[in-house]
């Protein structure tokens, strides 16, 4: 993802964010397949009407499981996606900075950061996860092997909510290409379906590649 941010970014500095003028050299989730592969994967997905949230609960997707020692999945993403990150004995950050790709701001306060599920849990539920075992939902909610988890500003994550690309896209348009590739990768990996409007939005975002 880091190659996407060569353009200068102008944002108003806040208490925990400041103006960025250069490409951030940060770690990000695993790089998704290329745009051409993503398009092939997209075209292989089942398109159908979205299910409902009946029976849905975040508790049905056990998340932030322990990864190592006192570090859970959230802690691991914070360490991976930040620079200069130090943690205490409970694996809670004591220092570091993070670049929120959705809205192009740097953050230094981990309380202002959310760990976003690229494909939200509720979206997954409506796309096929309602029939999964709890173990598979846990894997989905904690998967660090694909681009499913990313540290972003709490404000951008809460703006997104559980919406798919047909109704929400990052305000930072320079990441639309990779966001679409990540979304498709997750849905393809887990065999989730998508709506026709969602597919159209993803096709348009891949055009940005």
C-alpha atoms as a PDB file:
ATOM      1  CA  UNK A   1       0.000   0.000   0.000  1.00  0.00           C
ATOM      2  CA  UNK A   2       2.839   2.386   0.691  1.00  0.00           C
ATOM      3  CA  UNK A   3       3.398   3.083  -2.988  1.00  0.00           C
ATOM      4  CA  UNK A   4      -0.045   4.626  -3.213  1.00  0.00           C
ATOM      5  CA  UNK A   5       0.840   7.614  -1.080  1.00  0.00           C
ATOM      6  CA  UNK A   6       3.490   9.401  -3.110  1.00  0.00           C
ATOM      7  CA  UNK A   7       1.223  12.392  -3.641  1.00  0.00           C
ATOM      8  CA  UNK A   8       1.341  15.188  -1.083  1.00  0.00           C
ATOM      9  CA  UNK A   9      -1.449  15.084   1.437  1.00  0.00           C
ATOM     10  CA  UNK A  10      -2.911  18.236   2.894  1.00  0.00           C
ATOM     11  CA  UNK A  11      -4.904  17.843   6.044  1.00  0.00           C
ATOM     12  CA  UNK A  12      -5.647  20.128   8.929  1.00  0.00           C
ATOM     13  CA  UNK A  13      -3.555  19.187  11.918  1.00  0.00           C
ATOM     14  CA  UNK A  14      -5.411  18.125  15.042  1.00  0.00           C
ATOM     15  CA  UNK A  15      -4.140  17.143  18.453  1.00  0.00           C
ATOM     16  CA  UNK A  16      -3.177  13.684  17.284  1.00  0.00           C
ATOM     17  CA  UNK A  17      -2.782  14.299  13.546  1.00  0.00           C
ATOM     18  CA  UNK A  18      -0.523  16.491  11.459  1.00  0.00           C
ATOM     19  CA  UNK A  19       0.127  17.506   7.880  1.00  0.00           C
ATOM     20  CA  UNK A  20       1.805  14.868   5.767  1.00  0.00           C
ATOM     21  CA  UNK A  21       3.828  15.877   2.737  1.00  0.00           C
ATOM     22  CA  UNK A  22       5.704  12.717   1.852  1.00  0.00           C
ATOM     23  CA  UNK A  23       5.066   9.069   1.228  1.00  0.00           C
ATOM     24  CA  UNK A  24       4.806   7.288   4.612  1.00  0.00           C
ATOM     25  CA  UNK A  25       7.160   4.346   5.014  1.00  0.00           C
ATOM     26  CA  UNK A  26       4.881   2.183   7.092  1.00  0.00           C
ATOM     27  CA  UNK A  27       3.857  -1.465   7.321  1.00  0.00           C
ATOM     28  CA  UNK A  28       0.376  -2.405   6.165  1.00  0.00           C
ATOM     29  CA  UNK A  29      -1.753  -5.514   5.755  1.00  0.00           C
ATOM     30  CA  UNK A  30      -0.568  -8.202   3.333  1.00  0.00           C
ATOM     31  CA  UNK A  31      -0.597  -6.916  -0.251  1.00  0.00           C
ATOM     32  CA  UNK A  32      -3.724  -8.121  -2.063  1.00  0.00           C
ATOM     33  CA  UNK A  33      -3.670  -9.695  -5.533  1.00  0.00           C
ATOM     34  CA  UNK A  34      -3.213  -7.454  -8.569  1.00  0.00           C
ATOM     35  CA  UNK A  35      -6.120  -5.594 -10.137  1.00  0.00           C
ATOM     36  CA  UNK A  36      -6.381  -8.136 -12.951  1.00  0.00           C
ATOM     37  CA  UNK A  37      -6.466 -11.049 -10.508  1.00  0.00           C
ATOM     38  CA  UNK A  38      -8.939  -9.163  -8.332  1.00  0.00           C
ATOM     39  CA  UNK A  39     -11.227  -8.724 -11.337  1.00  0.00           C
ATOM     40  CA  UNK A  40     -11.070 -12.451 -12.042  1.00  0.00           C
ATOM     41  CA  UNK A  41     -11.870 -13.182  -8.405  1.00  0.00           C
ATOM     42  CA  UNK A  42     -14.718 -10.655  -8.433  1.00  0.00           C
ATOM     43  CA  UNK A  43     -16.290 -12.232 -11.492  1.00  0.00           C
ATOM     44  CA  UNK A  44     -16.207 -15.639  -9.804  1.00  0.00           C
ATOM     45  CA  UNK A  45     -18.215 -14.500  -6.772  1.00  0.00           C
ATOM     46  CA  UNK A  46     -21.904 -15.264  -6.443  1.00  0.00           C
ATOM     47  CA  UNK A  47     -24.107 -12.220  -6.988  1.00  0.00           C
ATOM     48  CA  UNK A  48     -27.412 -12.296  -5.140  1.00  0.00           C
ATOM     49  CA  UNK A  49     -29.664 -10.258  -2.895  1.00  0.00           C
ATOM     50  CA  UNK A  50     -28.117  -9.531   0.463  1.00  0.00           C
ATOM     51  CA  UNK A  51     -29.336 -11.406   3.507  1.00  0.00           C
ATOM     52  CA  UNK A  52     -30.586  -9.807   6.713  1.00  0.00           C
ATOM     53  CA  UNK A  53     -28.949  -9.167  10.068  1.00  0.00           C
ATOM     54  CA  UNK A  54     -31.496 -11.384  11.812  1.00  0.00           C
ATOM     55  CA  UNK A  55     -29.634 -13.315  14.487  1.00  0.00           C
ATOM     56  CA  UNK A  56     -26.449 -11.277  14.021  1.00  0.00           C
ATOM     57  CA  UNK A  57     -24.250 -10.366  16.976  1.00  0.00           C
ATOM     58  CA  UNK A  58     -20.594  -9.369  17.130  1.00  0.00           C
ATOM     59  CA  UNK A  59     -20.283 -11.987  19.867  1.00  0.00           C
ATOM     60  CA  UNK A  60     -20.813 -14.625  17.190  1.00  0.00           C
ATOM     61  CA  UNK A  61     -17.480 -13.531  15.708  1.00  0.00           C
ATOM     62  CA  UNK A  62     -15.088 -13.964  18.670  1.00  0.00           C
ATOM     63  CA  UNK A  63     -12.457 -11.350  18.003  1.00  0.00           C
ATOM     64  CA  UNK A  64      -9.197 -10.088  19.432  1.00  0.00           C
ATOM     65  CA  UNK A  65      -8.042 -13.551  20.385  1.00  0.00           C
ATOM     66  CA  UNK A  66      -4.618 -13.978  21.980  1.00  0.00           C
ATOM     67  CA  UNK A  67      -1.845 -14.216  19.394  1.00  0.00           C
ATOM     68  CA  UNK A  68       1.276 -14.315  21.544  1.00  0.00           C
ATOM     69  CA  UNK A  69       1.894 -13.719  25.240  1.00  0.00           C
ATOM     70  CA  UNK A  70      -0.301 -10.806  26.317  1.00  0.00           C
ATOM     71  CA  UNK A  71      -0.801  -9.579  22.732  1.00  0.00           C
ATOM     72  CA  UNK A  72      -4.155 -10.125  21.057  1.00  0.00           C
ATOM     73  CA  UNK A  73      -5.080  -9.558  17.428  1.00  0.00           C
ATOM     74  CA  UNK A  74      -5.781  -5.847  17.940  1.00  0.00           C
ATOM     75  CA  UNK A  75      -2.399  -5.365  19.588  1.00  0.00           C
ATOM     76  CA  UNK A  76      -0.672  -7.151  16.710  1.00  0.00           C
ATOM     77  CA  UNK A  77      -2.330  -4.914  14.117  1.00  0.00           C
ATOM     78  CA  UNK A  78      -1.350  -1.791  16.057  1.00  0.00           C
ATOM     79  CA  UNK A  79       2.262  -2.972  16.149  1.00  0.00           C
ATOM     80  CA  UNK A  80       2.252  -3.968  12.488  1.00  0.00           C
ATOM     81  CA  UNK A  81       0.618  -0.835  11.096  1.00  0.00           C
ATOM     82  CA  UNK A  82       2.519   1.739  13.137  1.00  0.00           C
ATOM     83  CA  UNK A  83       6.048   3.107  13.302  1.00  0.00           C
ATOM     84  CA  UNK A  84       8.100   3.454  16.475  1.00  0.00           C
ATOM     85  CA  UNK A  85       5.508   1.436  18.389  1.00  0.00           C
ATOM     86  CA  UNK A  86       6.454   0.414  21.916  1.00  0.00           C
ATOM     87  CA  UNK A  87       4.205  -1.537  24.266  1.00  0.00           C
ATOM     88  CA  UNK A  88       3.970  -2.243  27.971  1.00  0.00           C
ATOM     89  CA  UNK A  89       3.727  -5.605  29.734  1.00  0.00           C
ATOM     90  CA  UNK A  90       0.046  -5.831  28.754  1.00  0.00           C
ATOM     91  CA  UNK A  91       0.968  -5.213  25.102  1.00  0.00           C
ATOM     92  CA  UNK A  92      -0.734  -1.808  25.186  1.00  0.00           C
ATOM     93  CA  UNK A  93       1.034   0.890  23.097  1.00  0.00           C
ATOM     94  CA  UNK A  94       3.065   3.411  25.054  1.00  0.00           C
ATOM     95  CA  UNK A  95       4.336   5.250  21.971  1.00  0.00           C
ATOM     96  CA  UNK A  96       4.069   5.187  18.197  1.00  0.00           C
ATOM     97  CA  UNK A  97       2.364   6.783  15.223  1.00  0.00           C
ATOM     98  CA  UNK A  98      -0.073   5.415  12.705  1.00  0.00           C
ATOM     99  CA  UNK A  99      -1.141   6.515   9.233  1.00  0.00           C
ATOM    100  CA  UNK A 100      -4.877   6.179   8.621  1.00  0.00           C
ATOM    101  CA  UNK A 101      -5.165   5.418   4.912  1.00  0.00           C
ATOM    102  CA  UNK A 102      -8.921   6.014   4.757  1.00  0.00           C
ATOM    103  CA  UNK A 103      -8.670   9.718   5.537  1.00  0.00           C
ATOM    104  CA  UNK A 104      -4.938  10.399   5.075  1.00  0.00           C
ATOM    105  CA  UNK A 105      -3.998  11.481   8.594  1.00  0.00           C
ATOM    106  CA  UNK A 106      -1.296  10.517  11.056  1.00  0.00           C
ATOM    107  CA  UNK A 107      -2.300   9.605  14.594  1.00  0.00           C
ATOM    108  CA  UNK A 108      -0.201   9.339  17.745  1.00  0.00           C
ATOM    109  CA  UNK A 109      -2.897   8.395  20.250  1.00  0.00           C
ATOM    110  CA  UNK A 110      -3.920   4.748  19.985  1.00  0.00           C
ATOM    111  CA  UNK A 111      -7.260   5.572  21.631  1.00  0.00           C
ATOM    112  CA  UNK A 112      -8.107   7.482  18.425  1.00  0.00           C
ATOM    113  CA  UNK A 113      -7.522   4.330  16.380  1.00  0.00           C
ATOM    114  CA  UNK A 114      -9.918   1.528  15.490  1.00  0.00           C
ATOM    115  CA  UNK A 115      -9.007  -1.798  13.943  1.00  0.00           C
ATOM    116  CA  UNK A 116     -11.271  -2.039  10.923  1.00  0.00           C
ATOM    117  CA  UNK A 117     -12.469  -5.262   9.366  1.00  0.00           C
ATOM    118  CA  UNK A 118     -12.173  -4.507   5.646  1.00  0.00           C
ATOM    119  CA  UNK A 119     -15.292  -6.630   5.132  1.00  0.00           C
ATOM    120  CA  UNK A 120     -17.333  -5.797   8.242  1.00  0.00           C
ATOM    121  CA  UNK A 121     -18.639  -8.587  10.438  1.00  0.00           C
ATOM    122  CA  UNK A 122     -22.279  -7.668   9.807  1.00  0.00           C
ATOM    123  CA  UNK A 123     -21.617  -7.531   6.057  1.00  0.00           C
ATOM    124  CA  UNK A 124     -20.069 -10.984   6.223  1.00  0.00           C
ATOM    125  CA  UNK A 125     -23.080 -12.262   8.164  1.00  0.00           C
ATOM    126  CA  UNK A 126     -25.427 -11.023   5.426  1.00  0.00           C
ATOM    127  CA  UNK A 127     -23.171 -12.501   2.734  1.00  0.00           C
ATOM    128  CA  UNK A 128     -22.936 -16.064   3.997  1.00  0.00           C
ATOM    129  CA  UNK A 129     -21.259 -16.098   7.410  1.00  0.00           C
ATOM    130  CA  UNK A 130     -24.583 -16.695   9.145  1.00  0.00           C
ATOM    131  CA  UNK A 131     -24.228 -20.364   8.170  1.00  0.00           C
ATOM    132  CA  UNK A 132     -20.634 -20.726   9.385  1.00  0.00           C
ATOM    133  CA  UNK A 133     -19.394 -22.408  12.520  1.00  0.00           C
ATOM    134  CA  UNK A 134     -18.223 -20.197  15.366  1.00  0.00           C
ATOM    135  CA  UNK A 135     -14.657 -21.357  14.698  1.00  0.00           C
ATOM    136  CA  UNK A 136     -14.798 -20.111  11.110  1.00  0.00           C
ATOM    137  CA  UNK A 137     -16.291 -16.785  12.181  1.00  0.00           C
ATOM    138  CA  UNK A 138     -13.501 -16.438  14.729  1.00  0.00           C
ATOM    139  CA  UNK A 139     -10.915 -17.051  12.018  1.00  0.00           C
ATOM    140  CA  UNK A 140     -12.568 -14.418   9.830  1.00  0.00           C
ATOM    141  CA  UNK A 141     -12.622 -11.850  12.624  1.00  0.00           C
ATOM    142  CA  UNK A 142      -8.923 -12.342  13.461  1.00  0.00           C
ATOM    143  CA  UNK A 143      -7.374 -13.166  10.085  1.00  0.00           C
ATOM    144  CA  UNK A 144      -3.904 -11.623   9.758  1.00  0.00           C
ATOM    145  CA  UNK A 145      -2.925 -13.695   6.716  1.00  0.00           C
ATOM    146  CA  UNK A 146      -4.957 -11.601   4.273  1.00  0.00           C
ATOM    147  CA  UNK A 147      -5.849  -7.905   4.114  1.00  0.00           C
ATOM    148  CA  UNK A 148      -8.862  -8.091   6.418  1.00  0.00           C
ATOM    149  CA  UNK A 149      -7.638  -5.996   9.372  1.00  0.00           C
ATOM    150  CA  UNK A 150      -6.171  -2.493   9.309  1.00  0.00           C
ATOM    151  CA  UNK A 151      -5.535   0.290  11.827  1.00  0.00           C
ATOM    152  CA  UNK A 152      -7.409   3.458  10.834  1.00  0.00           C
ATOM    153  CA  UNK A 153      -8.800   6.531  12.535  1.00  0.00           C
ATOM    154  CA  UNK A 154     -11.802   5.830  14.720  1.00  0.00           C
ATOM    155  CA  UNK A 155     -13.729   8.562  12.928  1.00  0.00           C
ATOM    156  CA  UNK A 156     -13.253   7.003   9.487  1.00  0.00           C
ATOM    157  CA  UNK A 157     -14.059   3.517  10.747  1.00  0.00           C
ATOM    158  CA  UNK A 158     -17.251   4.688  12.403  1.00  0.00           C
ATOM    159  CA  UNK A 159     -18.207   6.618   9.278  1.00  0.00           C
ATOM    160  CA  UNK A 160     -17.886   3.358   7.349  1.00  0.00           C
ATOM    161  CA  UNK A 161     -19.851   1.265   9.827  1.00  0.00           C
ATOM    162  CA  UNK A 162     -20.934  -1.985   8.187  1.00  0.00           C
ATOM    163  CA  UNK A 163     -21.461  -0.478   4.717  1.00  0.00           C
ATOM    164  CA  UNK A 164     -20.142  -2.020   1.528  1.00  0.00           C
ATOM    165  CA  UNK A 165     -18.422  -0.072  -1.302  1.00  0.00           C
ATOM    166  CA  UNK A 166     -21.750   0.727  -2.951  1.00  0.00           C
ATOM    167  CA  UNK A 167     -22.535   3.118  -0.100  1.00  0.00           C
ATOM    168  CA  UNK A 168     -19.124   3.929   1.448  1.00  0.00           C
ATOM    169  CA  UNK A 169     -15.620   4.480   0.106  1.00  0.00           C
ATOM    170  CA  UNK A 170     -12.537   5.980   1.780  1.00  0.00           C
ATOM    171  CA  UNK A 171     -12.439   9.767   1.429  1.00  0.00           C
ATOM    172  CA  UNK A 172      -8.793   9.300   0.403  1.00  0.00           C
ATOM    173  CA  UNK A 173      -9.492   8.438  -3.243  1.00  0.00           C
ATOM    174  CA  UNK A 174      -5.894   7.343  -3.860  1.00  0.00           C
ATOM    175  CA  UNK A 175      -6.595   4.094  -1.989  1.00  0.00           C
ATOM    176  CA  UNK A 176      -9.758   3.121  -3.856  1.00  0.00           C
ATOM    177  CA  UNK A 177      -7.842   0.680  -6.053  1.00  0.00           C
ATOM    178  CA  UNK A 178      -6.225  -1.240  -3.225  1.00  0.00           C
ATOM    179  CA  UNK A 179      -9.331  -1.038  -1.020  1.00  0.00           C
ATOM    180  CA  UNK A 180     -11.349  -2.749  -3.753  1.00  0.00           C
ATOM    181  CA  UNK A 181      -8.636  -5.390  -4.190  1.00  0.00           C
ATOM    182  CA  UNK A 182      -8.612  -6.030  -0.425  1.00  0.00           C
ATOM    183  CA  UNK A 183     -12.403  -6.258  -0.216  1.00  0.00           C
ATOM    184  CA  UNK A 184     -12.554  -8.696  -3.122  1.00  0.00           C
ATOM    185  CA  UNK A 185      -9.676 -10.774  -1.705  1.00  0.00           C
ATOM    186  CA  UNK A 186     -11.509 -11.229   1.591  1.00  0.00           C
ATOM    187  CA  UNK A 187     -14.818 -12.138  -0.011  1.00  0.00           C
ATOM    188  CA  UNK A 188     -13.107 -14.516  -2.431  1.00  0.00           C
ATOM    189  CA  UNK A 189     -11.057 -16.196   0.309  1.00  0.00           C
ATOM    190  CA  UNK A 190     -14.136 -16.840   2.419  1.00  0.00           C
ATOM    191  CA  UNK A 191     -16.571 -17.578  -0.407  1.00  0.00           C
ATOM    192  CA  UNK A 192     -18.903 -14.719   0.468  1.00  0.00           C
ATOM    193  CA  UNK A 193     -21.533 -13.432  -1.942  1.00  0.00           C
ATOM    194  CA  UNK A 194     -22.108  -9.842  -3.028  1.00  0.00           C
ATOM    195  CA  UNK A 195     -24.918  -7.639  -4.318  1.00  0.00           C
ATOM    196  CA  UNK A 196     -25.061  -6.335  -7.877  1.00  0.00           C
ATOM    197  CA  UNK A 197     -24.598  -2.723  -6.701  1.00  0.00           C
ATOM    198  CA  UNK A 198     -21.599  -3.785  -4.635  1.00  0.00           C
ATOM    199  CA  UNK A 199     -20.051  -5.526  -7.647  1.00  0.00           C
ATOM    200  CA  UNK A 200     -20.572  -2.466  -9.836  1.00  0.00           C
ATOM    201  CA  UNK A 201     -18.925  -0.220  -7.232  1.00  0.00           C
ATOM    202  CA  UNK A 202     -15.942  -2.569  -6.973  1.00  0.00           C
ATOM    203  CA  UNK A 203     -15.553  -2.685 -10.764  1.00  0.00           C
ATOM    204  CA  UNK A 204     -15.512   1.116 -10.850  1.00  0.00           C
ATOM    205  CA  UNK A 205     -12.933   1.245  -8.058  1.00  0.00           C
ATOM    206  CA  UNK A 206     -10.711  -1.228  -9.907  1.00  0.00           C
ATOM    207  CA  UNK A 207     -10.729   1.203 -12.820  1.00  0.00           C
ATOM    208  CA  UNK A 208      -8.731   3.535 -10.557  1.00  0.00           C
ATOM    209  CA  UNK A 209      -5.889   1.021 -10.709  1.00  0.00           C
END
